[in-house]
């Protein structure tokens, strides 16, 4: 290997270190946000919370659909 090859390799290593540092900072920020907004201390907790929230959304959507059917049945559409 030539000196230029070592310099290029060193630059690539430094760039990888910077990328790693940014990724770690981003991960830490995301974990702090999960803790602050949802009370989750780990990804596993966040996944469980997501499943619970999704179930709640599904139930609310079903209730909304049922209410819409009831409203439509009560409205006299011919007078509108």
PDB file of N, CA and C in Angstrom:
ATOM      1  N   UNK A   1       0.839  -1.189   0.000  1.00  0.00           N
ATOM      2  CA  UNK A   1       0.000   0.000   0.000  1.00  0.00           C
ATOM      3  C   UNK A   1       0.879   1.246   0.000  1.00  0.00           C
ATOM      4  N   UNK A   2       0.373   2.244  -0.665  1.00  0.00           N
ATOM      5  CA  UNK A   2       1.082   3.503  -0.730  1.00  0.00           C
ATOM      6  C   UNK A   2       0.548   4.452   0.348  1.00  0.00           C
ATOM      7  N   UNK A   3       1.280   5.509   0.584  1.00  0.00           N
ATOM      8  CA  UNK A   3       0.885   6.490   1.596  1.00  0.00           C
ATOM      9  C   UNK A   3      -0.487   7.078   1.261  1.00  0.00           C
ATOM     10  N   UNK A   4      -0.741   7.329  -0.007  1.00  0.00           N
ATOM     11  CA  UNK A   4      -2.032   7.881  -0.437  1.00  0.00           C
ATOM     12  C   UNK A   4      -3.166   6.925  -0.085  1.00  0.00           C
ATOM     13  N   UNK A   5      -2.905   5.622  -0.212  1.00  0.00           N
ATOM     14  CA  UNK A   5      -3.917   4.621   0.141  1.00  0.00           C
ATOM     15  C   UNK A   5      -4.223   4.670   1.639  1.00  0.00           C
ATOM     16  N   UNK A   6      -3.187   4.823   2.449  1.00  0.00           N
ATOM     17  CA  UNK A   6      -3.379   4.915   3.896  1.00  0.00           C
ATOM     18  C   UNK A   6      -4.151   6.179   4.268  1.00  0.00           C
ATOM     19  N   UNK A   7      -3.825   7.282   3.586  1.00  0.00           N
ATOM     20  CA  UNK A   7      -4.543   8.530   3.848  1.00  0.00           C
ATOM     21  C   UNK A   7      -6.017   8.395   3.490  1.00  0.00           C
ATOM     22  N   UNK A   8      -6.282   7.775   2.362  1.00  0.00           N
ATOM     23  CA  UNK A   8      -7.664   7.574   1.928  1.00  0.00           C
ATOM     24  C   UNK A   8      -8.399   6.666   2.921  1.00  0.00           C
ATOM     25  N   UNK A   9      -7.737   5.625   3.359  1.00  0.00           N
ATOM     26  CA  UNK A   9      -8.326   4.719   4.343  1.00  0.00           C
ATOM     27  C   UNK A   9      -8.596   5.449   5.658  1.00  0.00           C
ATOM     28  N   UNK A  10      -7.668   6.283   6.071  1.00  0.00           N
ATOM     29  CA  UNK A  10      -7.837   7.055   7.298  1.00  0.00           C
ATOM     30  C   UNK A  10      -9.040   7.986   7.179  1.00  0.00           C
ATOM     31  N   UNK A  11      -9.209   8.636   6.026  1.00  0.00           N
ATOM     32  CA  UNK A  11     -10.344   9.530   5.808  1.00  0.00           C
ATOM     33  C   UNK A  11     -11.661   8.764   5.861  1.00  0.00           C
ATOM     34  N   UNK A  12     -11.665   7.570   5.288  1.00  0.00           N
ATOM     35  CA  UNK A  12     -12.873   6.746   5.319  1.00  0.00           C
ATOM     36  C   UNK A  12     -13.212   6.333   6.750  1.00  0.00           C
ATOM     37  N   UNK A  13     -12.204   6.009   7.518  1.00  0.00           N
ATOM     38  CA  UNK A  13     -12.410   5.627   8.919  1.00  0.00           C
ATOM     39  C   UNK A  13     -12.968   6.807   9.701  1.00  0.00           C
ATOM     40  N   UNK A  14     -12.398   7.984   9.485  1.00  0.00           N
ATOM     41  CA  UNK A  14     -12.870   9.180  10.182  1.00  0.00           C
ATOM     42  C   UNK A  14     -14.319   9.494   9.802  1.00  0.00           C
ATOM     43  N   UNK A  15     -14.644   9.357   8.530  1.00  0.00           N
ATOM     44  CA  UNK A  15     -16.012   9.601   8.077  1.00  0.00           C
ATOM     45  C   UNK A  15     -16.975   8.597   8.715  1.00  0.00           C
ATOM     46  N   UNK A  16     -16.545   7.356   8.823  1.00  0.00           N
ATOM     47  CA  UNK A  16     -17.381   6.330   9.455  1.00  0.00           C
ATOM     48  C   UNK A  16     -17.590   6.639  10.937  1.00  0.00           C
ATOM     49  N   UNK A  17     -16.560   7.148  11.600  1.00  0.00           N
ATOM     50  CA  UNK A  17     -16.687   7.519  13.012  1.00  0.00           C
ATOM     51  C   UNK A  17     -17.713   8.636  13.181  1.00  0.00           C
ATOM     52  N   UNK A  18     -17.673   9.609  12.280  1.00  0.00           N
ATOM     53  CA  UNK A  18     -18.621  10.719  12.342  1.00  0.00           C
ATOM     54  C   UNK A  18     -20.043  10.199  12.137  1.00  0.00           C
ATOM     55  N   UNK A  19     -20.243   9.327  11.147  1.00  0.00           N
ATOM     56  CA  UNK A  19     -21.560   8.754  10.889  1.00  0.00           C
ATOM     57  C   UNK A  19     -22.056   7.983  12.109  1.00  0.00           C
ATOM     58  N   UNK A  20     -21.159   7.217  12.722  1.00  0.00           N
ATOM     59  CA  UNK A  20     -21.517   6.428  13.903  1.00  0.00           C
ATOM     60  C   UNK A  20     -21.944   7.350  15.037  1.00  0.00           C
ATOM     61  N   UNK A  21     -21.199   8.401  15.247  1.00  0.00           N
ATOM     62  CA  UNK A  21     -21.506   9.355  16.311  1.00  0.00           C
ATOM     63  C   UNK A  21     -22.865  10.008  16.084  1.00  0.00           C
ATOM     64  N   UNK A  22     -23.144  10.393  14.848  1.00  0.00           N
ATOM     65  CA  UNK A  22     -24.441  11.002  14.527  1.00  0.00           C
ATOM     66  C   UNK A  22     -25.571  10.009  14.755  1.00  0.00           C
ATOM     67  N   UNK A  23     -25.365   8.770  14.339  1.00  0.00           N
ATOM     68  CA  UNK A  23     -26.393   7.745  14.517  1.00  0.00           C
ATOM     69  C   UNK A  23     -26.662   7.494  15.995  1.00  0.00           C
ATOM     70  N   UNK A  24     -25.614   7.456  16.786  1.00  0.00           N
ATOM     71  CA  UNK A  24     -25.779   7.254  18.227  1.00  0.00           C
ATOM     72  C   UNK A  24     -26.535   8.419  18.856  1.00  0.00           C
ATOM     73  N   UNK A  25     -26.214   9.635  18.440  1.00  0.00           N
ATOM     74  CA  UNK A  25     -26.915  10.816  18.953  1.00  0.00           C
ATOM     75  C   UNK A  25     -28.381  10.808  18.568  1.00  0.00           C
ATOM     76  N   UNK A  26     -28.644  10.418  17.346  1.00  0.00           N
ATOM     77  CA  UNK A  26     -30.023  10.343  16.871  1.00  0.00           C
ATOM     78  C   UNK A  26     -30.806   9.285  17.638  1.00  0.00           C
ATOM     79  N   UNK A  27     -30.161   8.146  17.870  1.00  0.00           N
ATOM     80  CA  UNK A  27     -30.806   7.062  18.633  1.00  0.00           C
ATOM     81  C   UNK A  27     -31.106   7.528  20.055  1.00  0.00           C
ATOM     82  N   UNK A  28     -30.151   8.187  20.668  1.00  0.00           N
ATOM     83  CA  UNK A  28     -30.344   8.674  22.034  1.00  0.00           C
ATOM     84  C   UNK A  28     -31.491   9.688  22.090  1.00  0.00           C
ATOM     85  N   UNK A  29     -31.535  10.567  21.121  1.00  0.00           N
ATOM     86  CA  UNK A  29     -32.609  11.559  21.064  1.00  0.00           C
ATOM     87  C   UNK A  29     -33.968  10.876  20.897  1.00  0.00           C
ATOM     88  N   UNK A  30     -34.014   9.874  20.042  1.00  0.00           N
ATOM     89  CA  UNK A  30     -35.264   9.139  19.828  1.00  0.00           C
ATOM     90  C   UNK A  30     -35.701   8.405  21.093  1.00  0.00           C
ATOM     91  N   UNK A  31     -34.749   7.803  21.783  1.00  0.00           N
ATOM     92  CA  UNK A  31     -35.079   7.098  23.024  1.00  0.00           C
ATOM     93  C   UNK A  31     -35.562   8.083  24.091  1.00  0.00           C
ATOM     94  N   UNK A  32     -34.946   9.251  24.174  1.00  0.00           N
ATOM     95  CA  UNK A  32     -35.402  10.272  25.117  1.00  0.00           C
ATOM     96  C   UNK A  32     -36.826  10.717  24.798  1.00  0.00           C
ATOM     97  N   UNK A  33     -37.115  10.848  23.519  1.00  0.00           N
ATOM     98  CA  UNK A  33     -38.466  11.245  23.101  1.00  0.00           C
ATOM     99  C   UNK A  33     -39.484  10.162  23.443  1.00  0.00           C
ATOM    100  N   UNK A  34     -39.120   8.899  23.220  1.00  0.00           N
ATOM    101  CA  UNK A  34     -40.016   7.800  23.595  1.00  0.00           C
ATOM    102  C   UNK A  34     -40.314   7.828  25.091  1.00  0.00           C
ATOM    103  N   UNK A  35     -39.270   8.076  25.877  1.00  0.00           N
ATOM    104  CA  UNK A  35     -39.436   8.138  27.334  1.00  0.00           C
ATOM    105  C   UNK A  35     -40.336   9.311  27.720  1.00  0.00           C
ATOM    106  N   UNK A  36     -40.066  10.461  27.144  1.00  0.00           N
ATOM    107  CA  UNK A  36     -40.787  11.679  27.509  1.00  0.00           C
ATOM    108  C   UNK A  36     -42.253  11.636  27.069  1.00  0.00           C
ATOM    109  N   UNK A  37     -42.501  11.215  25.834  1.00  0.00           N
ATOM    110  CA  UNK A  37     -43.851  11.271  25.281  1.00  0.00           C
ATOM    111  C   UNK A  37     -44.711  10.063  25.623  1.00  0.00           C
ATOM    112  N   UNK A  38     -44.079   8.894  25.762  1.00  0.00           N
ATOM    113  CA  UNK A  38     -44.866   7.674  25.947  1.00  0.00           C
ATOM    114  C   UNK A  38     -44.480   6.864  27.177  1.00  0.00           C
ATOM    115  N   UNK A  39     -43.456   7.308  27.902  1.00  0.00           N
ATOM    116  CA  UNK A  39     -43.038   6.595  29.105  1.00  0.00           C
ATOM    117  C   UNK A  39     -42.363   5.264  28.826  1.00  0.00           C
ATOM    118  N   UNK A  40     -41.794   5.109  27.643  1.00  0.00           N
ATOM    119  CA  UNK A  40     -41.143   3.849  27.257  1.00  0.00           C
ATOM    120  C   UNK A  40     -39.632   3.969  27.457  1.00  0.00           C
ATOM    121  N   UNK A  41     -39.081   2.996  28.166  1.00  0.00           N
ATOM    122  CA  UNK A  41     -37.646   3.010  28.429  1.00  0.00           C
ATOM    123  C   UNK A  41     -36.854   2.146  27.450  1.00  0.00           C
ATOM    124  N   UNK A  42     -37.558   1.363  26.640  1.00  0.00           N
ATOM    125  CA  UNK A  42     -36.865   0.497  25.684  1.00  0.00           C
ATOM    126  C   UNK A  42     -37.714   0.354  24.420  1.00  0.00           C
ATOM    127  N   UNK A  43     -37.102  -0.191  23.390  1.00  0.00           N
ATOM    128  CA  UNK A  43     -37.843  -0.427  22.149  1.00  0.00           C
ATOM    129  C   UNK A  43     -38.933  -1.466  22.361  1.00  0.00           C
ATOM    130  N   UNK A  44     -38.658  -2.439  23.226  1.00  0.00           N
ATOM    131  CA  UNK A  44     -39.651  -3.467  23.510  1.00  0.00           C
ATOM    132  C   UNK A  44     -40.902  -2.844  24.136  1.00  0.00           C
ATOM    133  N   UNK A  45     -40.694  -1.935  25.089  1.00  0.00           N
ATOM    134  CA  UNK A  45     -41.821  -1.241  25.701  1.00  0.00           C
ATOM    135  C   UNK A  45     -42.562  -0.413  24.661  1.00  0.00           C
ATOM    136  N   UNK A  46     -41.827   0.231  23.785  1.00  0.00           N
ATOM    137  CA  UNK A  46     -42.445   1.060  22.742  1.00  0.00           C
ATOM    138  C   UNK A  46     -43.282   0.208  21.797  1.00  0.00           C
ATOM    139  N   UNK A  47     -42.797  -0.973  21.453  1.00  0.00           N
ATOM    140  CA  UNK A  47     -43.555  -1.860  20.564  1.00  0.00           C
ATOM    141  C   UNK A  47     -44.843  -2.315  21.235  1.00  0.00           C
ATOM    142  N   UNK A  48     -44.779  -2.610  22.532  1.00  0.00           N
ATOM    143  CA  UNK A  48     -45.992  -3.011  23.260  1.00  0.00           C
ATOM    144  C   UNK A  48     -46.977  -1.851  23.314  1.00  0.00           C
ATOM    145  N   UNK A  49     -46.463  -0.649  23.581  1.00  0.00           N
ATOM    146  CA  UNK A  49     -47.306   0.542  23.641  1.00  0.00           C
ATOM    147  C   UNK A  49     -47.946   0.791  22.278  1.00  0.00           C
ATOM    148  N   UNK A  50     -47.188   0.609  21.219  1.00  0.00           N
ATOM    149  CA  UNK A  50     -47.712   0.787  19.869  1.00  0.00           C
ATOM    150  C   UNK A  50     -48.859  -0.178  19.606  1.00  0.00           C
ATOM    151  N   UNK A  51     -48.707  -1.424  20.021  1.00  0.00           N
ATOM    152  CA  UNK A  51     -49.763  -2.419  19.821  1.00  0.00           C
ATOM    153  C   UNK A  51     -51.031  -2.024  20.572  1.00  0.00           C
ATOM    154  N   UNK A  52     -50.871  -1.534  21.801  1.00  0.00           N
ATOM    155  CA  UNK A  52     -52.023  -1.095  22.598  1.00  0.00           C
ATOM    156  C   UNK A  52     -52.708   0.091  21.921  1.00  0.00           C
ATOM    157  N   UNK A  53     -51.915   1.075  21.512  1.00  0.00           N
ATOM    158  CA  UNK A  53     -52.483   2.255  20.857  1.00  0.00           C
ATOM    159  C   UNK A  53     -53.185   1.894  19.553  1.00  0.00           C
ATOM    160  N   UNK A  54     -52.602   0.956  18.801  1.00  0.00           N
ATOM    161  CA  UNK A  54     -53.221   0.541  17.543  1.00  0.00           C
ATOM    162  C   UNK A  54     -54.552  -0.152  17.809  1.00  0.00           C
ATOM    163  N   UNK A  55     -54.624  -0.958  18.858  1.00  0.00           N
ATOM    164  CA  UNK A  55     -55.883  -1.610  19.230  1.00  0.00           C
ATOM    165  C   UNK A  55     -56.939  -0.573  19.603  1.00  0.00           C
ATOM    166  N   UNK A  56     -56.528   0.443  20.338  1.00  0.00           N
ATOM    167  CA  UNK A  56     -57.454   1.515  20.718  1.00  0.00           C
ATOM    168  C   UNK A  56     -57.961   2.265  19.483  1.00  0.00           C
ATOM    169  N   UNK A  57     -57.062   2.532  18.558  1.00  0.00           N
ATOM    170  CA  UNK A  57     -57.464   3.214  17.318  1.00  0.00           C
ATOM    171  C   UNK A  57     -58.452   2.358  16.543  1.00  0.00           C
ATOM    172  N   UNK A  58     -58.160   1.066  16.429  1.00  0.00           N
ATOM    173  CA  UNK A  58     -59.059   0.163  15.703  1.00  0.00           C
ATOM    174  C   UNK A  58     -60.446   0.144  16.345  1.00  0.00           C
ATOM    175  N   UNK A  59     -60.491   0.098  17.681  1.00  0.00           N
ATOM    176  CA  UNK A  59     -61.777   0.086  18.387  1.00  0.00           C
ATOM    177  C   UNK A  59     -62.521   1.400  18.161  1.00  0.00           C
ATOM    178  N   UNK A  60     -61.804   2.515  18.207  1.00  0.00           N
ATOM    179  CA  UNK A  60     -62.433   3.813  17.982  1.00  0.00           C
ATOM    180  C   UNK A  60     -62.961   3.938  16.554  1.00  0.00           C
ATOM    181  N   UNK A  61     -62.221   3.417  15.592  1.00  0.00           N
ATOM    182  CA  UNK A  61     -62.676   3.462  14.199  1.00  0.00           C
ATOM    183  C   UNK A  61     -63.946   2.632  14.024  1.00  0.00           C
ATOM    184  N   UNK A  62     -64.001   1.485  14.692  1.00  0.00           N
ATOM    185  CA  UNK A  62     -65.187   0.637  14.602  1.00  0.00           C
ATOM    186  C   UNK A  62     -66.389   1.348  15.211  1.00  0.00           C
ATOM    187  N   UNK A  63     -66.195   1.997  16.366  1.00  0.00           N
ATOM    188  CA  UNK A  63     -67.283   2.758  16.995  1.00  0.00           C
ATOM    189  C   UNK A  63     -67.749   3.882  16.080  1.00  0.00           C
ATOM    190  N   UNK A  64     -66.806   4.557  15.455  1.00  0.00           N
ATOM    191  CA  UNK A  64     -67.145   5.655  14.547  1.00  0.00           C
ATOM    192  C   UNK A  64     -67.984   5.144  13.378  1.00  0.00           C
ATOM    193  N   UNK A  65     -67.594   4.020  12.820  1.00  0.00           N
ATOM    194  CA  UNK A  65     -68.359   3.440  11.711  1.00  0.00           C
ATOM    195  C   UNK A  65     -69.778   3.105  12.160  1.00  0.00           C
ATOM    196  N   UNK A  66     -69.916   2.514  13.356  1.00  0.00           N
ATOM    197  CA  UNK A  66     -71.236   2.158  13.875  1.00  0.00           C
ATOM    198  C   UNK A  66     -72.084   3.411  14.082  1.00  0.00           C
ATOM    199  N   UNK A  67     -71.472   4.461  14.596  1.00  0.00           N
ATOM    200  CA  UNK A  67     -72.199   5.709  14.814  1.00  0.00           C
ATOM    201  C   UNK A  67     -72.630   6.330  13.490  1.00  0.00           C
ATOM    202  N   UNK A  68     -71.779   6.237  12.488  1.00  0.00           N
ATOM    203  CA  UNK A  68     -72.126   6.784  11.172  1.00  0.00           C
ATOM    204  C   UNK A  68     -73.325   6.043  10.588  1.00  0.00           C
ATOM    205  N   UNK A  69     -73.367   4.733  10.781  1.00  0.00           N
ATOM    206  CA  UNK A  69     -74.508   3.949  10.291  1.00  0.00           C
ATOM    207  C   UNK A  69     -75.783   4.392  11.006  1.00  0.00           C
ATOM    208  N   UNK A  70     -75.700   4.593  12.320  1.00  0.00           N
ATOM    209  CA  UNK A  70     -76.857   5.044  13.091  1.00  0.00           C
ATOM    210  C   UNK A  70     -77.314   6.427  12.629  1.00  0.00           C
ATOM    211  N   UNK A  71     -76.378   7.326  12.412  1.00  0.00           N
ATOM    212  CA  UNK A  71     -76.720   8.679  11.964  1.00  0.00           C
ATOM    213  C   UNK A  71     -77.379   8.632  10.594  1.00  0.00           C
ATOM    214  N   UNK A  72     -76.798   7.854   9.707  1.00  0.00           N
ATOM    215  CA  UNK A  72     -77.367   7.753   8.358  1.00  0.00           C
ATOM    216  C   UNK A  72     -78.781   7.193   8.403  1.00  0.00           C
ATOM    217  N   UNK A  73     -79.030   6.253   9.331  1.00  0.00           N
ATOM    218  CA  UNK A  73     -80.379   5.679   9.450  1.00  0.00           C
ATOM    219  C   UNK A  73     -81.377   6.703   9.984  1.00  0.00           C
ATOM    220  N   UNK A  74     -80.912   7.652  10.785  1.00  0.00           N
ATOM    221  CA  UNK A  74     -81.802   8.656  11.383  1.00  0.00           C
ATOM    222  C   UNK A  74     -82.098   9.831  10.476  1.00  0.00           C
ATOM    223  N   UNK A  75     -81.275  10.050   9.498  1.00  0.00           N
ATOM    224  CA  UNK A  75     -81.424  11.221   8.629  1.00  0.00           C
ATOM    225  C   UNK A  75     -82.389  10.906   7.489  1.00  0.00           C
ATOM    226  N   UNK A  76     -83.304  11.825   7.265  1.00  0.00           N
ATOM    227  CA  UNK A  76     -84.215  11.687   6.130  1.00  0.00           C
ATOM    228  C   UNK A  76     -83.535  12.346   4.923  1.00  0.00           C
ATOM    229  N   UNK A  77     -82.902  11.543   4.148  1.00  0.00           N
ATOM    230  CA  UNK A  77     -82.087  12.037   3.037  1.00  0.00           C
ATOM    231  C   UNK A  77     -82.916  12.683   1.946  1.00  0.00           C
ATOM    232  N   UNK A  78     -84.199  12.319   1.869  1.00  0.00           N
ATOM    233  CA  UNK A  78     -85.032  12.894   0.819  1.00  0.00           C
ATOM    234  C   UNK A  78     -85.322  14.370   1.026  1.00  0.00           C
ATOM    235  N   UNK A  79     -85.178  14.847   2.275  1.00  0.00           N
ATOM    236  CA  UNK A  79     -85.449  16.259   2.578  1.00  0.00           C
ATOM    237  C   UNK A  79     -84.211  17.140   2.465  1.00  0.00           C
ATOM    238  N   UNK A  80     -83.116  16.567   2.148  1.00  0.00           N
ATOM    239  CA  UNK A  80     -81.876  17.357   2.046  1.00  0.00           C
ATOM    240  C   UNK A  80     -81.621  17.817   0.652  1.00  0.00           C
TER     241      UNK A  80
END
